[in-house]
Amino acid sequence: MTEDLSKKCLVIPDGKGYDIKMFNIPIKYTNFLDYVLIPNGLIKDRTQKLAVDILGSLDNCKQLVVLCVLKGGYKFCSELVDSMERHICSCEINMSIKVEFIRLKSYQNTESTGDVEVIGLSDLSVLSGKHILIVEDIIDTGKTMTYALKLLENYSPAKVQCASLLLKRTPKSCGYIPDFIGFSCPDSFVLGYGLDYNEYFRDLPHIAVINDEGIKQFEEVGQ
């Protein structure tokens, strides 16, 4: 990643977090977290700013089609859409928002190339001429999103943008940078606020880093 991320998002430094004792953590998770990386209040404040930035980037848009990527993106998407709708109302903007829920299923071969299937929309041609915002929880390598964007471009949308709550700083990244980013985070095992580990931790209100005991505990439970 050569782009200066500090101009696009809040950059969370490596190895820094908050003591979980300072937060209201569900008791079922207290022994399985190293620290809170991003508190819930900061997530919501940052999301509100993203909503304003996204709406400001749209020209001559009467309807925005939001594609919420499940499962992890549902909390971020809900907060983001609510924030956009409040801003549309308060600023008397003539725009509506339509939300669709999708899943991105990727197929990788041994050469690390692949294809992506968009599950949830039976007919992608309905996106022709539309302004589209894909909402993700986290961009890791970026490969799946890159393939998905190429697929959607085949249906001639007016504009396609991506908003991701997190962008992971990882050497495995293909270099893809979303249009809108909440936070740049370290290459750690992050979860909470919709992100899961074997379907656990989605209900954690903050974004946190799991510890080794948690990985072992919920790996066993999940199998």
Protein backbone atom coordinates (compact mmCIF):
# COMPACT_ATOMS: atom_id res chain seq x y z
CA MET A 1 0.00 0.00 0.00
CA THR A 2 1.78 3.13 -1.23
CA GLU A 3 -1.11 5.56 -0.74
CA ASP A 4 -1.01 7.78 2.35
CA LEU A 5 -3.88 6.24 4.29
CA SER A 6 -3.90 9.03 6.88
CA LYS A 7 -5.59 11.22 4.26
CA LYS A 8 -8.42 8.70 3.78
CA CYS A 9 -9.07 7.23 7.23
CA LEU A 10 -8.03 6.95 10.86
CA VAL A 11 -4.88 4.86 11.09
CA ILE A 12 -4.78 2.60 14.16
CA PRO A 13 -1.11 2.04 15.15
CA ASP A 14 0.37 -1.42 15.46
CA GLY A 15 0.32 -3.02 18.89
CA LYS A 16 -1.81 -0.39 20.59
CA GLY A 17 -5.22 -0.89 22.15
CA TYR A 18 -7.36 -0.32 25.22
CA ASP A 19 -7.65 -2.42 28.36
CA ILE A 20 -10.85 -4.48 28.15
CA LYS A 21 -11.49 -3.70 31.82
CA MET A 22 -12.29 -0.14 30.77
CA PHE A 23 -15.24 -1.28 28.64
CA ASN A 24 -18.53 -3.09 29.03
CA ILE A 25 -17.62 -6.46 27.52
CA PRO A 26 -20.05 -9.42 27.46
CA ILE A 27 -18.88 -11.79 30.20
CA LYS A 28 -18.73 -14.70 27.76
CA TYR A 29 -15.88 -12.94 25.95
CA THR A 30 -13.86 -11.28 28.74
CA ASN A 31 -11.24 -14.03 29.03
CA PHE A 32 -10.70 -14.34 25.30
CA LEU A 33 -9.67 -10.84 24.21
CA ASP A 34 -6.25 -9.20 24.25
CA TYR A 35 -7.56 -5.64 24.05
CA VAL A 36 -10.15 -3.35 22.50
CA LEU A 37 -8.78 -1.92 19.27
CA ILE A 38 -11.58 0.49 18.30
CA PRO A 39 -14.30 1.49 20.81
CA ASN A 40 -17.94 1.54 19.72
CA GLY A 41 -18.30 5.31 20.10
CA LEU A 42 -15.36 5.97 17.80
CA ILE A 43 -16.81 3.58 15.21
CA LYS A 44 -20.12 5.47 15.23
CA ASP A 45 -18.51 8.91 15.02
CA ARG A 46 -16.30 7.85 12.14
CA THR A 47 -19.27 6.27 10.35
CA GLN A 48 -21.21 9.52 10.55
CA LYS A 49 -18.34 11.34 8.83
CA LEU A 50 -18.13 8.66 6.15
CA ALA A 51 -21.86 9.12 5.47
CA VAL A 52 -21.33 12.83 4.79
CA ASP A 53 -18.30 12.14 2.59
CA ILE A 54 -20.14 9.52 0.55
CA LEU A 55 -23.14 11.74 -0.11
CA GLY A 56 -20.82 14.58 -1.07
CA SER A 57 -19.20 12.39 -3.73
CA LEU A 58 -22.46 11.72 -5.59
CA ASP A 59 -23.45 13.99 -8.47
CA ASN A 60 -26.92 13.91 -10.01
CA CYS A 61 -27.84 10.82 -8.00
CA LYS A 62 -31.55 10.35 -7.29
CA GLN A 63 -31.20 6.82 -5.90
CA LEU A 64 -28.23 5.14 -4.30
CA VAL A 65 -28.18 1.34 -4.34
CA VAL A 66 -26.31 0.03 -1.30
CA LEU A 67 -25.03 -3.54 -1.57
CA CYS A 68 -24.44 -4.76 1.98
CA VAL A 69 -21.96 -7.66 2.02
CA LEU A 70 -23.10 -10.29 4.53
CA LYS A 71 -22.56 -11.44 7.10
CA GLY A 72 -19.96 -9.19 8.62
CA GLY A 73 -21.04 -5.92 7.03
CA TYR A 74 -24.55 -5.73 8.48
CA LYS A 75 -23.81 -3.60 11.56
CA PHE A 76 -21.60 -1.12 9.74
CA CYS A 77 -24.06 -0.91 6.85
CA SER A 78 -27.01 -0.29 9.17
CA GLU A 79 -25.19 2.52 10.97
CA LEU A 80 -23.92 4.00 7.70
CA VAL A 81 -27.31 4.00 5.98
CA ASP A 82 -29.01 5.50 9.05
CA SER A 83 -26.40 8.27 9.10
CA MET A 84 -26.83 8.96 5.38
CA GLU A 85 -30.61 9.09 5.69
CA ARG A 86 -30.40 11.55 8.61
CA HIS A 87 -28.08 13.76 6.57
CA ILE A 88 -30.35 13.54 3.50
CA CYS A 89 -33.32 14.61 5.62
CA SER A 90 -31.59 17.44 7.50
CA CYS A 91 -30.00 18.87 4.34
CA GLU A 92 -33.13 18.35 2.22
CA ILE A 93 -31.29 16.30 -0.40
CA ASN A 94 -33.50 14.80 -3.12
CA MET A 95 -32.18 11.24 -2.95
CA SER A 96 -33.41 7.83 -1.88
CA ILE A 97 -31.43 4.83 -0.68
CA LYS A 98 -32.21 1.24 -1.60
CA VAL A 99 -30.43 -1.54 0.30
CA GLU A 100 -29.76 -5.01 -1.10
CA PHE A 101 -28.01 -7.81 0.79
CA ILE A 102 -25.41 -9.90 -1.00
CA ARG A 103 -22.63 -12.36 -0.38
CA LEU A 104 -19.39 -12.53 -2.31
CA LYS A 105 -18.25 -16.08 -2.96
CA SER A 106 -14.74 -16.41 -4.32
CA TYR A 107 -13.09 -19.31 -6.05
CA GLN A 108 -9.30 -19.42 -5.99
CA ASN A 109 -7.03 -21.69 -7.98
CA THR A 110 -3.42 -22.59 -7.33
CA GLU A 111 -2.17 -19.52 -9.20
CA SER A 112 -4.06 -17.12 -6.91
CA THR A 113 -6.36 -15.95 -9.69
CA GLY A 114 -10.07 -16.49 -9.46
CA ASP A 115 -13.63 -15.49 -10.01
CA VAL A 116 -16.35 -14.11 -7.77
CA GLU A 117 -20.03 -14.95 -7.59
CA VAL A 118 -22.45 -12.33 -6.25
CA ILE A 119 -25.12 -14.18 -4.30
CA GLY A 120 -28.36 -12.44 -3.37
CA LEU A 121 -29.27 -10.56 -6.54
CA SER A 122 -30.87 -12.87 -9.08
CA ASP A 123 -30.39 -10.41 -11.94
CA LEU A 124 -27.38 -8.08 -11.84
CA SER A 125 -28.64 -6.26 -14.93
CA VAL A 126 -30.97 -4.25 -12.65
CA LEU A 127 -27.83 -2.35 -11.58
CA SER A 128 -27.40 -0.86 -15.06
CA GLY A 129 -27.26 2.94 -14.86
CA LYS A 130 -27.39 2.92 -11.05
CA HIS A 131 -25.14 4.55 -8.47
CA ILE A 132 -23.83 1.66 -6.37
CA LEU A 133 -22.13 1.61 -2.99
CA ILE A 134 -20.71 -1.72 -1.80
CA VAL A 135 -20.46 -1.83 1.99
CA GLU A 136 -17.95 -4.23 3.55
CA ASP A 137 -16.78 -4.92 7.09
CA ILE A 138 -13.10 -5.44 6.26
CA ILE A 139 -10.78 -5.49 3.26
CA ASP A 140 -8.01 -8.02 3.84
CA THR A 141 -6.11 -9.03 0.69
CA GLY A 142 -8.52 -7.05 -1.49
CA LYS A 143 -8.65 -9.75 -4.16
CA THR A 144 -12.31 -10.66 -3.72
CA MET A 145 -13.44 -7.02 -3.91
CA THR A 146 -11.27 -6.40 -6.97
CA TYR A 147 -12.92 -9.29 -8.80
CA ALA A 148 -16.39 -8.19 -7.63
CA LEU A 149 -15.89 -4.66 -8.95
CA LYS A 150 -14.81 -6.00 -12.35
CA LEU A 151 -17.91 -8.19 -12.44
CA LEU A 152 -20.26 -5.30 -11.62
CA GLU A 153 -18.68 -3.05 -14.25
CA ASN A 154 -19.92 -5.52 -16.89
CA TYR A 155 -23.47 -4.35 -16.11
CA SER A 156 -22.77 -0.68 -16.89
CA PRO A 157 -23.62 1.02 -13.59
CA ALA A 158 -23.42 4.81 -13.48
CA LYS A 159 -20.90 4.62 -10.65
CA VAL A 160 -19.53 1.94 -8.32
CA GLN A 161 -17.84 2.78 -5.03
CA CYS A 162 -16.85 0.75 -1.99
CA ALA A 163 -16.98 1.69 1.69
CA SER A 164 -15.20 -0.56 4.17
CA LEU A 165 -15.15 -0.14 7.92
CA LEU A 166 -11.64 -1.62 8.11
CA LEU A 167 -8.66 -1.91 5.79
CA LYS A 168 -6.10 -4.37 7.11
CA ARG A 169 -2.43 -3.53 6.67
CA THR A 170 -1.15 -6.88 5.47
CA PRO A 171 1.70 -7.96 3.18
CA LYS A 172 -0.85 -10.21 1.45
CA SER A 173 -2.72 -7.17 0.09
CA CYS A 174 -3.08 -6.90 -3.67
CA GLY A 175 -2.95 -3.12 -3.30
CA TYR A 176 -6.67 -2.43 -3.55
CA ILE A 177 -7.81 0.65 -1.58
CA PRO A 178 -11.57 1.25 -1.09
CA ASP A 179 -13.07 4.63 -1.93
CA PHE A 180 -14.12 5.15 1.68
CA ILE A 181 -12.40 3.65 4.73
CA GLY A 182 -13.26 3.92 8.38
CA PHE A 183 -10.00 2.72 9.86
CA SER A 184 -6.69 1.25 8.75
CA CYS A 185 -5.95 -1.53 11.23
CA PRO A 186 -2.92 -3.71 12.05
CA ASP A 187 -2.53 -7.20 10.62
CA SER A 188 -4.15 -8.79 13.69
CA PHE A 189 -7.08 -11.14 14.23
CA VAL A 190 -9.81 -8.54 14.72
CA LEU A 191 -13.45 -9.23 15.53
CA GLY A 192 -16.57 -7.67 16.97
CA TYR A 193 -19.10 -5.18 15.54
CA GLY A 194 -20.25 -7.78 13.02
CA LEU A 195 -16.89 -9.49 12.45
CA ASP A 196 -16.81 -13.05 13.75
CA TYR A 197 -14.72 -16.06 14.60
CA ASN A 198 -16.72 -19.24 13.91
CA GLU A 199 -19.91 -17.13 14.23
CA TYR A 200 -18.92 -15.83 17.68
CA PHE A 201 -18.10 -12.22 18.67
CA ARG A 202 -20.43 -10.59 16.10
CA ASP A 203 -22.42 -9.19 19.05
CA LEU A 204 -19.37 -7.57 20.65
CA PRO A 205 -20.05 -3.80 20.42
CA HIS A 206 -16.39 -2.86 19.97
CA ILE A 207 -13.70 -4.06 17.57
CA ALA A 208 -11.16 -6.09 19.52
CA VAL A 209 -8.24 -8.46 19.10
CA ILE A 210 -8.73 -12.08 20.14
CA ASN A 211 -6.10 -13.82 22.29
CA ASP A 212 -4.60 -17.29 21.86
CA GLU A 213 -6.97 -18.76 24.44
CA GLY A 214 -9.93 -17.38 22.53
CA ILE A 215 -8.70 -18.83 19.24
CA LYS A 216 -8.36 -22.23 20.86
CA GLN A 217 -11.66 -22.05 22.75
CA PHE A 218 -13.88 -21.03 19.85
CA GLU A 219 -12.04 -23.14 17.31
CA GLU A 220 -13.03 -26.17 19.36
CA VAL A 221 -16.59 -24.93 19.81
CA GLY A 222 -16.95 -24.14 16.13
CA GLN A 223 -15.89 -27.56 14.92
